[in-house]
Amino acid sequence: DGLLEKARRIEQVIREHFEQNPDPRIGEIRGRGAMMALEFVTDSTSKNPHPTAAKDIAAYCLERGVLILTTGTYGNVVRLLPSLTISEELLSEALDIFVEAIRSVDQ
């Protein structure tokens, strides 16, 4: 059913979304296919884990109907795993909310 291609396209959309909306608190974007993770840091130089960003971002997203998973040794990673059948329009809408959430978090 073209799921491999769909997973690759989801990754491409996610990566492009954050290339167009860079933030110095995103220390790394990693993953493959539809399973992507963003690591939040206090600044792009030291790369120290941001203590509250992931939790605050998750709360903001949840209030707006987008579920994300926080993870990582320091709790500073957000994992994305959208359905392989998600429409590109819905994925973009969710990513827009995610970007709003990142912008809402204090430095």
Protein backbone atom coordinates (compact mmCIF):
# COMPACT_ATOMS: atom_id res chain seq x y z
CA ASP A 1 0.00 0.00 0.00
CA GLY A 2 2.98 2.34 -0.35
CA LEU A 3 3.57 2.65 3.38
CA LEU A 4 7.36 2.78 3.05
CA GLU A 5 7.08 5.72 0.68
CA LYS A 6 4.53 7.34 2.99
CA ALA A 7 6.91 6.99 5.96
CA ARG A 8 9.70 8.59 3.96
CA ARG A 9 7.42 11.45 2.92
CA ILE A 10 6.36 12.05 6.54
CA GLU A 11 10.02 12.33 7.53
CA GLN A 12 10.64 14.76 4.69
CA VAL A 13 7.67 16.93 5.69
CA ILE A 14 8.76 17.00 9.35
CA ARG A 15 12.38 17.87 8.51
CA GLU A 16 11.33 20.57 6.03
CA HIS A 17 8.91 22.05 8.56
CA PHE A 18 11.68 22.57 11.10
CA GLU A 19 14.20 23.76 8.53
CA GLN A 20 11.68 26.49 7.66
CA ASN A 21 11.04 27.21 11.37
CA PRO A 22 14.47 26.92 13.02
CA ASP A 23 14.82 27.42 16.76
CA PRO A 24 18.10 27.53 18.72
CA ARG A 25 16.54 25.32 21.40
CA ILE A 26 16.27 22.41 18.99
CA GLY A 27 19.59 20.72 19.56
CA GLU A 28 18.98 17.82 17.22
CA ILE A 29 16.35 16.37 14.93
CA ARG A 30 16.78 12.64 14.56
CA GLY A 31 14.90 9.60 13.45
CA ARG A 32 13.88 7.78 10.37
CA GLY A 33 10.62 7.60 8.53
CA ALA A 34 7.59 8.64 10.53
CA MET A 35 9.34 8.18 13.89
CA MET A 36 11.18 11.40 14.55
CA ALA A 37 12.55 13.02 17.70
CA LEU A 38 13.50 16.58 18.56
CA GLU A 39 15.90 17.22 21.41
CA PHE A 40 15.48 20.51 23.26
CA VAL A 41 18.51 22.28 24.70
CA THR A 42 19.10 25.53 26.59
CA ASP A 43 21.18 26.88 23.69
CA SER A 44 22.77 25.64 20.51
CA THR A 45 26.32 26.17 21.79
CA SER A 46 26.36 24.23 25.06
CA LYS A 47 23.64 21.75 24.04
CA ASN A 48 22.67 21.37 27.71
CA PRO A 49 19.25 19.69 28.11
CA HIS A 50 16.39 22.16 28.50
CA PRO A 51 14.75 21.20 31.81
CA THR A 52 11.10 21.98 30.98
CA ALA A 53 10.70 22.57 27.24
CA ALA A 54 9.41 19.11 26.26
CA LYS A 55 6.87 19.02 29.10
CA ASP A 56 5.63 22.55 28.36
CA ILE A 57 5.43 21.86 24.62
CA ALA A 58 3.48 18.65 25.23
CA ALA A 59 0.98 20.49 27.46
CA TYR A 60 0.49 23.25 24.88
CA CYS A 61 -0.05 20.71 22.10
CA LEU A 62 -2.47 18.62 24.17
CA GLU A 63 -4.64 21.70 24.83
CA ARG A 64 -4.90 22.09 21.05
CA GLY A 65 -5.62 18.45 20.22
CA VAL A 66 -2.13 17.26 19.25
CA LEU A 67 -0.66 14.36 21.19
CA ILE A 68 3.12 14.09 21.45
CA LEU A 69 5.35 11.91 23.57
CA THR A 70 8.08 13.26 25.83
CA THR A 71 11.08 11.05 26.39
CA GLY A 72 14.83 11.04 26.84
CA THR A 73 17.20 10.59 29.75
CA TYR A 74 16.65 14.20 30.80
CA GLY A 75 13.02 14.45 29.67
CA ASN A 76 14.01 16.98 27.00
CA VAL A 77 13.06 15.02 23.88
CA VAL A 78 9.77 15.07 21.99
CA ARG A 79 9.01 12.05 19.87
CA LEU A 80 6.69 12.24 16.88
CA LEU A 81 5.10 9.14 15.43
CA PRO A 82 2.18 10.08 13.20
CA SER A 83 0.05 7.43 11.59
CA LEU A 84 1.33 6.30 8.22
CA THR A 85 -2.13 7.06 6.85
CA ILE A 86 -2.20 10.69 8.05
CA SER A 87 -2.94 13.23 5.36
CA GLU A 88 -0.21 15.72 4.59
CA GLU A 89 -2.65 18.52 5.40
CA LEU A 90 -3.36 17.16 8.88
CA LEU A 91 0.35 16.54 9.50
CA SER A 92 1.16 20.12 8.52
CA GLU A 93 -1.59 21.43 10.81
CA ALA A 94 -0.20 19.43 13.73
CA LEU A 95 3.35 20.61 12.98
CA ASP A 96 2.15 24.22 12.91
CA ILE A 97 0.70 23.74 16.41
CA PHE A 98 3.97 22.12 17.49
CA VAL A 99 5.94 25.14 16.21
CA GLU A 100 3.55 27.47 18.09
CA ALA A 101 4.20 25.41 21.21
CA ILE A 102 7.97 25.73 20.82
CA ARG A 103 7.65 29.50 20.42
CA SER A 104 5.49 29.69 23.55
CA VAL A 105 8.17 28.10 25.76
CA ASP A 106 10.40 30.45 27.74
CA GLN A 107 14.04 30.50 26.72
